N, C-alpha and C. Protein backbone atom coordinates (compact mmCIF):
# COMPACT_ATOMS: atom_id res chain seq x y z
N MET A 1 12.88 3.15 -5.86
CA MET A 1 12.61 4.44 -6.45
C MET A 1 13.62 4.65 -7.56
N LYS A 2 13.11 4.63 -8.77
CA LYS A 2 14.01 4.75 -9.91
C LYS A 2 13.62 5.94 -10.76
N GLY A 3 14.63 6.64 -11.23
CA GLY A 3 14.42 7.69 -12.20
C GLY A 3 13.79 8.96 -11.66
N VAL A 4 13.48 9.81 -12.60
CA VAL A 4 12.95 11.13 -12.29
C VAL A 4 11.57 11.02 -11.65
N LYS A 5 10.77 10.09 -12.11
CA LYS A 5 9.42 9.93 -11.56
C LYS A 5 9.46 9.67 -10.06
N GLY A 6 10.36 8.82 -9.62
CA GLY A 6 10.48 8.52 -8.19
C GLY A 6 10.89 9.73 -7.38
N TRP A 7 11.83 10.52 -7.90
CA TRP A 7 12.28 11.71 -7.19
C TRP A 7 11.21 12.79 -7.15
N ILE A 8 10.46 12.93 -8.22
CA ILE A 8 9.38 13.91 -8.23
C ILE A 8 8.33 13.52 -7.19
N VAL A 9 7.98 12.25 -7.14
CA VAL A 9 7.01 11.77 -6.15
C VAL A 9 7.55 11.99 -4.73
N ALA A 10 8.83 11.66 -4.51
CA ALA A 10 9.41 11.82 -3.17
C ALA A 10 9.43 13.28 -2.73
N ILE A 11 9.83 14.17 -3.61
CA ILE A 11 9.89 15.60 -3.26
C ILE A 11 8.49 16.16 -3.03
N LEU A 12 7.55 15.75 -3.86
CA LEU A 12 6.17 16.19 -3.67
C LEU A 12 5.61 15.70 -2.34
N LEU A 13 5.87 14.44 -2.01
CA LEU A 13 5.41 13.90 -0.73
C LEU A 13 6.07 14.58 0.46
N LEU A 14 7.36 14.90 0.35
CA LEU A 14 8.04 15.61 1.43
C LEU A 14 7.45 17.00 1.63
N TRP A 15 7.14 17.67 0.54
CA TRP A 15 6.55 19.00 0.63
C TRP A 15 5.18 18.92 1.30
N ILE A 16 4.37 17.96 0.88
CA ILE A 16 3.04 17.77 1.49
C ILE A 16 3.17 17.38 2.96
N ALA A 17 4.12 16.50 3.27
CA ALA A 17 4.30 16.06 4.65
C ALA A 17 4.75 17.21 5.54
N GLY A 18 5.63 18.07 5.04
CA GLY A 18 6.06 19.23 5.82
C GLY A 18 4.90 20.17 6.09
N ALA A 19 4.09 20.40 5.07
CA ALA A 19 2.92 21.27 5.25
C ALA A 19 1.93 20.64 6.22
N ALA A 20 1.71 19.34 6.10
CA ALA A 20 0.77 18.65 7.00
C ALA A 20 1.29 18.65 8.44
N GLN A 21 2.60 18.51 8.61
CA GLN A 21 3.17 18.52 9.95
C GLN A 21 2.95 19.88 10.61
N GLU A 22 3.12 20.92 9.83
CA GLU A 22 2.94 22.27 10.37
C GLU A 22 1.47 22.61 10.58
N ALA A 23 0.62 22.22 9.64
CA ALA A 23 -0.77 22.69 9.64
C ALA A 23 -1.74 21.80 10.40
N ILE A 24 -1.61 20.47 10.28
CA ILE A 24 -2.67 19.63 10.84
C ILE A 24 -2.22 18.58 11.86
N ALA A 25 -0.92 18.42 12.06
CA ALA A 25 -0.47 17.37 12.99
C ALA A 25 -1.03 17.59 14.39
N PHE A 26 -1.05 18.84 14.83
CA PHE A 26 -1.57 19.13 16.16
C PHE A 26 -3.08 18.90 16.22
N GLN A 27 -3.76 19.20 15.14
CA GLN A 27 -5.22 19.07 15.13
C GLN A 27 -5.69 17.63 15.06
N VAL A 28 -4.88 16.72 14.53
CA VAL A 28 -5.28 15.31 14.47
C VAL A 28 -4.65 14.49 15.59
N SER A 29 -4.02 15.16 16.53
CA SER A 29 -3.44 14.45 17.67
C SER A 29 -4.51 14.18 18.71
N PHE A 30 -4.28 13.14 19.48
CA PHE A 30 -5.18 12.84 20.59
C PHE A 30 -4.37 12.24 21.72
N GLY A 31 -4.67 12.69 22.92
CA GLY A 31 -3.97 12.20 24.10
C GLY A 31 -2.48 12.45 24.08
N GLY A 32 -2.04 13.53 23.47
CA GLY A 32 -0.62 13.83 23.40
C GLY A 32 0.13 13.06 22.32
N ILE A 33 -0.60 12.29 21.53
CA ILE A 33 0.01 11.49 20.47
C ILE A 33 -0.31 12.14 19.13
N SER A 34 0.74 12.51 18.42
CA SER A 34 0.52 13.13 17.11
C SER A 34 1.34 12.38 16.07
N PRO A 35 0.89 12.43 14.82
CA PRO A 35 1.64 11.74 13.77
C PRO A 35 2.89 12.52 13.38
N ASP A 36 3.82 11.83 12.79
CA ASP A 36 5.03 12.43 12.26
C ASP A 36 5.02 12.20 10.75
N PHE A 37 4.39 13.11 10.02
CA PHE A 37 4.18 12.94 8.59
C PHE A 37 5.48 12.81 7.79
N PRO A 38 6.52 13.64 8.05
CA PRO A 38 7.76 13.44 7.30
C PRO A 38 8.39 12.07 7.54
N LEU A 39 8.30 11.57 8.75
CA LEU A 39 8.85 10.25 9.04
C LEU A 39 8.10 9.15 8.31
N ILE A 40 6.80 9.28 8.22
CA ILE A 40 6.00 8.30 7.47
C ILE A 40 6.42 8.29 6.01
N VAL A 41 6.66 9.47 5.45
CA VAL A 41 7.08 9.56 4.05
C VAL A 41 8.45 8.92 3.86
N ILE A 42 9.37 9.19 4.78
CA ILE A 42 10.72 8.60 4.67
C ILE A 42 10.62 7.08 4.61
N ILE A 43 9.86 6.51 5.51
CA ILE A 43 9.80 5.05 5.62
C ILE A 43 9.10 4.45 4.40
N CYS A 44 7.98 5.02 4.00
CA CYS A 44 7.25 4.46 2.86
C CYS A 44 8.04 4.62 1.56
N VAL A 45 8.66 5.77 1.35
CA VAL A 45 9.49 5.95 0.16
C VAL A 45 10.73 5.07 0.25
N GLY A 46 11.26 4.92 1.46
CA GLY A 46 12.43 4.06 1.65
C GLY A 46 12.16 2.60 1.29
N LEU A 47 10.92 2.17 1.44
CA LEU A 47 10.56 0.80 1.06
C LEU A 47 10.57 0.60 -0.46
N PHE A 48 10.69 1.68 -1.21
CA PHE A 48 10.78 1.63 -2.67
C PHE A 48 12.14 2.10 -3.17
N SER A 49 13.10 2.34 -2.26
CA SER A 49 14.37 2.97 -2.62
C SER A 49 15.54 2.05 -2.29
N ASP A 50 16.71 2.49 -2.71
CA ASP A 50 17.94 1.86 -2.26
C ASP A 50 18.48 2.65 -1.06
N LYS A 51 19.62 2.22 -0.54
CA LYS A 51 20.17 2.86 0.66
C LYS A 51 20.49 4.33 0.43
N ARG A 52 21.11 4.64 -0.68
CA ARG A 52 21.52 6.01 -0.96
C ARG A 52 20.31 6.94 -1.11
N SER A 53 19.34 6.51 -1.88
CA SER A 53 18.14 7.33 -2.09
C SER A 53 17.37 7.50 -0.78
N GLY A 54 17.28 6.43 0.00
CA GLY A 54 16.60 6.51 1.29
C GLY A 54 17.28 7.50 2.22
N ALA A 55 18.61 7.50 2.21
CA ALA A 55 19.34 8.43 3.07
C ALA A 55 19.14 9.88 2.62
N VAL A 56 19.12 10.11 1.32
CA VAL A 56 18.91 11.48 0.82
C VAL A 56 17.51 11.96 1.18
N VAL A 57 16.51 11.11 0.97
CA VAL A 57 15.14 11.48 1.33
C VAL A 57 15.04 11.72 2.83
N GLY A 58 15.70 10.88 3.62
CA GLY A 58 15.70 11.06 5.07
C GLY A 58 16.36 12.36 5.48
N PHE A 59 17.47 12.70 4.85
CA PHE A 59 18.14 13.96 5.18
C PHE A 59 17.25 15.16 4.84
N LEU A 60 16.65 15.14 3.66
CA LEU A 60 15.77 16.24 3.27
C LEU A 60 14.59 16.36 4.23
N ALA A 61 14.01 15.24 4.61
CA ALA A 61 12.89 15.27 5.55
C ALA A 61 13.35 15.76 6.92
N GLY A 62 14.55 15.39 7.33
CA GLY A 62 15.08 15.87 8.61
C GLY A 62 15.28 17.36 8.62
N VAL A 63 15.78 17.90 7.52
CA VAL A 63 15.97 19.35 7.42
C VAL A 63 14.61 20.05 7.44
N ILE A 64 13.65 19.50 6.70
CA ILE A 64 12.31 20.09 6.69
C ILE A 64 11.69 20.06 8.08
N HIS A 65 11.76 18.91 8.74
CA HIS A 65 11.15 18.79 10.07
C HIS A 65 11.87 19.65 11.09
N GLY A 66 13.19 19.73 10.99
CA GLY A 66 13.95 20.58 11.89
C GLY A 66 13.59 22.05 11.72
N ALA A 67 13.38 22.47 10.47
CA ALA A 67 12.99 23.86 10.21
C ALA A 67 11.59 24.14 10.76
N ILE A 68 10.70 23.17 10.63
CA ILE A 68 9.34 23.33 11.15
C ILE A 68 9.35 23.38 12.67
N ALA A 69 10.14 22.50 13.28
CA ALA A 69 10.19 22.44 14.74
C ALA A 69 10.88 23.65 15.34
N GLY A 70 11.69 24.33 14.57
CA GLY A 70 12.35 25.53 15.06
C GLY A 70 13.62 25.28 15.82
N GLY A 71 14.19 24.13 15.67
CA GLY A 71 15.45 23.86 16.36
C GLY A 71 15.83 22.40 16.27
N HIS A 72 17.00 22.10 16.81
CA HIS A 72 17.52 20.74 16.84
C HIS A 72 17.63 20.16 15.44
N MET A 73 18.01 21.00 14.49
CA MET A 73 18.10 20.60 13.09
C MET A 73 19.04 19.41 12.93
N ALA A 74 20.16 19.42 13.62
CA ALA A 74 21.12 18.32 13.48
C ALA A 74 20.53 17.00 13.97
N ALA A 75 19.82 17.03 15.08
CA ALA A 75 19.22 15.80 15.61
C ALA A 75 18.17 15.25 14.64
N TYR A 76 17.36 16.13 14.07
CA TYR A 76 16.37 15.69 13.09
C TYR A 76 17.05 15.13 11.84
N ALA A 77 18.06 15.84 11.33
CA ALA A 77 18.74 15.42 10.11
C ALA A 77 19.45 14.07 10.29
N VAL A 78 20.12 13.90 11.42
CA VAL A 78 20.86 12.65 11.65
C VAL A 78 19.90 11.47 11.81
N THR A 79 18.88 11.63 12.63
CA THR A 79 17.97 10.51 12.87
C THR A 79 17.18 10.15 11.62
N ARG A 80 16.74 11.14 10.88
CA ARG A 80 15.96 10.86 9.67
C ARG A 80 16.83 10.29 8.55
N THR A 81 18.08 10.75 8.44
CA THR A 81 18.99 10.17 7.46
C THR A 81 19.25 8.72 7.78
N LEU A 82 19.46 8.42 9.04
CA LEU A 82 19.71 7.05 9.47
C LEU A 82 18.53 6.14 9.16
N VAL A 83 17.31 6.59 9.48
CA VAL A 83 16.14 5.75 9.23
C VAL A 83 15.90 5.59 7.73
N GLY A 84 16.18 6.62 6.93
CA GLY A 84 16.05 6.49 5.49
C GLY A 84 17.04 5.48 4.92
N PHE A 85 18.28 5.54 5.41
CA PHE A 85 19.30 4.58 4.98
C PHE A 85 18.91 3.16 5.35
N LEU A 86 18.48 2.96 6.59
CA LEU A 86 18.14 1.61 7.05
C LEU A 86 16.90 1.05 6.35
N THR A 87 15.93 1.92 6.07
CA THR A 87 14.75 1.46 5.34
C THR A 87 15.11 1.09 3.91
N GLY A 88 15.98 1.88 3.28
CA GLY A 88 16.45 1.53 1.95
C GLY A 88 17.26 0.24 1.96
N TRP A 89 18.02 0.03 3.01
CA TRP A 89 18.78 -1.22 3.15
C TRP A 89 17.82 -2.40 3.31
N PHE A 90 16.75 -2.19 4.09
CA PHE A 90 15.74 -3.24 4.27
C PHE A 90 15.10 -3.59 2.94
N ASN A 91 14.91 -2.61 2.08
CA ASN A 91 14.33 -2.87 0.77
C ASN A 91 15.23 -3.76 -0.07
N GLY A 92 16.53 -3.72 0.17
CA GLY A 92 17.46 -4.57 -0.57
C GLY A 92 17.29 -6.05 -0.25
N MET A 93 16.71 -6.35 0.88
CA MET A 93 16.42 -7.74 1.22
C MET A 93 15.21 -8.20 0.43
N GLU A 94 15.12 -9.48 0.23
CA GLU A 94 13.94 -9.98 -0.49
C GLU A 94 12.79 -10.13 0.49
N PHE A 95 11.73 -9.40 0.23
CA PHE A 95 10.53 -9.48 1.05
C PHE A 95 9.33 -9.22 0.18
N GLU A 96 8.21 -9.67 0.64
CA GLU A 96 6.95 -9.42 -0.06
C GLU A 96 6.33 -8.18 0.56
N GLY A 97 6.37 -7.07 -0.15
CA GLY A 97 5.84 -5.83 0.38
C GLY A 97 4.32 -5.83 0.37
N ASN A 98 3.74 -5.44 1.49
CA ASN A 98 2.28 -5.30 1.59
C ASN A 98 1.98 -4.34 2.73
N ALA A 99 0.70 -4.16 3.01
CA ALA A 99 0.28 -3.20 4.03
C ALA A 99 0.81 -3.58 5.41
N ALA A 100 0.83 -4.87 5.72
CA ALA A 100 1.32 -5.31 7.03
C ALA A 100 2.80 -4.99 7.20
N VAL A 101 3.57 -5.18 6.16
CA VAL A 101 5.00 -4.85 6.21
C VAL A 101 5.17 -3.34 6.43
N ALA A 102 4.38 -2.54 5.72
CA ALA A 102 4.46 -1.09 5.88
C ALA A 102 4.13 -0.69 7.31
N PHE A 103 3.11 -1.30 7.90
CA PHE A 103 2.75 -0.99 9.28
C PHE A 103 3.87 -1.36 10.24
N ILE A 104 4.37 -2.56 10.14
CA ILE A 104 5.40 -3.06 11.07
C ILE A 104 6.70 -2.26 10.93
N VAL A 105 7.13 -2.03 9.70
CA VAL A 105 8.37 -1.30 9.49
C VAL A 105 8.23 0.15 9.98
N THR A 106 7.09 0.76 9.71
CA THR A 106 6.89 2.14 10.14
C THR A 106 6.84 2.25 11.66
N ALA A 107 6.13 1.34 12.31
CA ALA A 107 6.06 1.37 13.78
C ALA A 107 7.44 1.15 14.39
N ALA A 108 8.17 0.15 13.89
CA ALA A 108 9.51 -0.14 14.44
C ALA A 108 10.48 1.00 14.16
N ALA A 109 10.44 1.54 12.95
CA ALA A 109 11.35 2.64 12.61
C ALA A 109 11.03 3.90 13.39
N THR A 110 9.74 4.14 13.66
CA THR A 110 9.37 5.30 14.48
C THR A 110 9.94 5.15 15.88
N LEU A 111 9.80 3.97 16.47
CA LEU A 111 10.36 3.73 17.80
C LEU A 111 11.87 3.96 17.82
N CYS A 112 12.57 3.38 16.85
CA CYS A 112 14.03 3.53 16.80
C CYS A 112 14.44 4.98 16.57
N THR A 113 13.73 5.67 15.69
CA THR A 113 14.06 7.05 15.38
C THR A 113 13.85 7.95 16.60
N GLN A 114 12.73 7.78 17.26
CA GLN A 114 12.44 8.62 18.41
C GLN A 114 13.39 8.33 19.58
N LEU A 115 13.76 7.07 19.78
CA LEU A 115 14.71 6.75 20.85
C LEU A 115 16.09 7.32 20.54
N THR A 116 16.49 7.26 19.28
CA THR A 116 17.76 7.87 18.87
C THR A 116 17.69 9.39 19.04
N PHE A 117 16.55 9.97 18.68
CA PHE A 117 16.36 11.41 18.85
C PHE A 117 16.47 11.79 20.33
N LEU A 118 15.93 10.94 21.21
CA LEU A 118 16.02 11.19 22.65
C LEU A 118 17.47 11.20 23.12
N LEU A 119 18.30 10.31 22.56
CA LEU A 119 19.72 10.28 22.93
C LEU A 119 20.45 11.54 22.45
N LEU A 120 20.08 12.03 21.27
CA LEU A 120 20.73 13.22 20.73
C LEU A 120 20.17 14.51 21.31
N ASN A 121 18.95 14.45 21.84
CA ASN A 121 18.27 15.64 22.34
C ASN A 121 17.58 15.29 23.66
N PRO A 122 18.34 15.16 24.75
CA PRO A 122 17.76 14.72 26.01
C PRO A 122 16.64 15.64 26.50
N ARG A 123 15.65 15.02 27.11
CA ARG A 123 14.51 15.76 27.66
C ARG A 123 14.44 15.49 29.16
N GLY A 124 13.70 16.33 29.86
CA GLY A 124 13.56 16.17 31.30
C GLY A 124 12.66 15.00 31.67
N ALA A 125 11.49 14.93 31.07
CA ALA A 125 10.51 13.90 31.42
C ALA A 125 10.58 12.77 30.38
N ILE A 126 11.23 11.69 30.75
CA ILE A 126 11.44 10.60 29.81
C ILE A 126 10.21 9.71 29.67
N LEU A 127 9.54 9.39 30.76
CA LEU A 127 8.40 8.47 30.71
C LEU A 127 7.27 9.00 29.82
N PRO A 128 6.83 10.25 29.94
CA PRO A 128 5.80 10.72 29.01
C PRO A 128 6.26 10.69 27.55
N PHE A 129 7.54 10.98 27.33
CA PHE A 129 8.07 10.93 25.96
C PHE A 129 8.01 9.51 25.42
N LEU A 130 8.38 8.53 26.24
CA LEU A 130 8.35 7.14 25.80
C LEU A 130 6.93 6.66 25.51
N LEU A 131 5.99 7.04 26.37
CA LEU A 131 4.60 6.65 26.14
C LEU A 131 4.05 7.30 24.87
N ALA A 132 4.37 8.55 24.66
CA ALA A 132 3.94 9.23 23.43
C ALA A 132 4.61 8.62 22.21
N THR A 133 5.85 8.16 22.36
CA THR A 133 6.56 7.53 21.25
C THR A 133 5.89 6.23 20.84
N ILE A 134 5.50 5.43 21.80
CA ILE A 134 4.82 4.17 21.49
C ILE A 134 3.50 4.43 20.79
N GLY A 135 2.74 5.39 21.29
CA GLY A 135 1.48 5.74 20.64
C GLY A 135 1.69 6.30 19.24
N SER A 136 2.70 7.14 19.10
CA SER A 136 3.02 7.72 17.80
C SER A 136 3.47 6.65 16.81
N ALA A 137 4.18 5.64 17.28
CA ALA A 137 4.62 4.55 16.41
C ALA A 137 3.41 3.81 15.83
N MET A 138 2.42 3.56 16.67
CA MET A 138 1.21 2.88 16.19
C MET A 138 0.42 3.78 15.23
N TYR A 139 0.32 5.05 15.57
CA TYR A 139 -0.38 6.02 14.74
C TYR A 139 0.29 6.13 13.37
N ASN A 140 1.61 6.26 13.37
CA ASN A 140 2.35 6.34 12.12
C ASN A 140 2.20 5.07 11.29
N GLY A 141 2.21 3.93 11.97
CA GLY A 141 2.02 2.66 11.26
C GLY A 141 0.69 2.58 10.55
N VAL A 142 -0.36 3.03 11.22
CA VAL A 142 -1.69 3.03 10.59
C VAL A 142 -1.73 3.99 9.41
N LEU A 143 -1.13 5.17 9.56
CA LEU A 143 -1.14 6.14 8.47
C LEU A 143 -0.23 5.73 7.30
N ALA A 144 0.72 4.85 7.56
CA ALA A 144 1.61 4.40 6.49
C ALA A 144 0.90 3.44 5.53
N ILE A 145 -0.12 2.77 5.99
CA ILE A 145 -0.80 1.79 5.14
C ILE A 145 -1.38 2.41 3.88
N PRO A 146 -2.18 3.49 3.97
CA PRO A 146 -2.70 4.06 2.71
C PRO A 146 -1.61 4.70 1.84
N LEU A 147 -0.58 5.28 2.47
CA LEU A 147 0.50 5.88 1.69
C LEU A 147 1.25 4.79 0.93
N TYR A 148 1.51 3.67 1.59
CA TYR A 148 2.19 2.55 0.93
C TYR A 148 1.36 2.03 -0.24
N ALA A 149 0.05 1.92 -0.03
CA ALA A 149 -0.83 1.46 -1.11
C ALA A 149 -0.79 2.42 -2.30
N LEU A 150 -0.78 3.72 -2.01
CA LEU A 150 -0.69 4.71 -3.07
C LEU A 150 0.63 4.61 -3.81
N LEU A 151 1.71 4.47 -3.08
CA LEU A 151 3.03 4.36 -3.72
C LEU A 151 3.16 3.08 -4.53
N THR A 152 2.50 2.03 -4.11
CA THR A 152 2.52 0.79 -4.88
C THR A 152 1.89 1.01 -6.26
N LYS A 153 0.86 1.84 -6.30
CA LYS A 153 0.21 2.15 -7.58
C LYS A 153 1.05 3.10 -8.43
N VAL A 154 1.73 4.04 -7.80
CA VAL A 154 2.45 5.10 -8.53
C VAL A 154 3.87 4.66 -8.92
N LEU A 155 4.58 4.04 -8.00
CA LEU A 155 5.96 3.65 -8.23
C LEU A 155 6.05 2.16 -8.58
N ASP A 156 7.22 1.75 -8.96
CA ASP A 156 7.43 0.33 -9.23
C ASP A 156 7.29 -0.45 -7.94
N SER A 157 6.97 -1.72 -8.08
CA SER A 157 6.82 -2.59 -6.92
C SER A 157 8.13 -2.68 -6.16
N PRO A 158 8.08 -2.71 -4.81
CA PRO A 158 9.31 -2.80 -4.03
C PRO A 158 9.96 -4.17 -4.11
N ARG A 159 9.27 -5.15 -4.63
CA ARG A 159 9.83 -6.49 -4.72
C ARG A 159 10.88 -6.54 -5.81
N ARG A 160 11.98 -7.12 -5.52
CA ARG A 160 13.10 -7.16 -6.48
C ARG A 160 13.09 -8.44 -7.24
């Protein structure tokens, strides 16, 4: 993600993701599994960013998601900043970016983010949370594919 164009796209996507999380995430959920739109944006934008930009996008998404959720702002901000940083770091490696990479990275990052969130924000029922996390990781991975394709057209290629 380079220049003003990249930041405008990232901020616009974060705004849309926050609105989608609030307005339609519950309606497109099934079996207790719902998508995490801000997290999908962090990961997909992070695949086009460096570590610093990924962390900033992650922090902004964490604040947005924490505000929408109505609490645990610090847990959202920390976990999302971390995943943004790590995704930006992953972009620094030489890889051939494609839809499969977007799916795998998004699914793995969702699992790691949610497990870290569980450590920062303990819940009573761990097994249902873990099952929902696995389902959400797959759901997020599928939703990341079209977003990654769109970003490939709009932003510079993630290949260095």
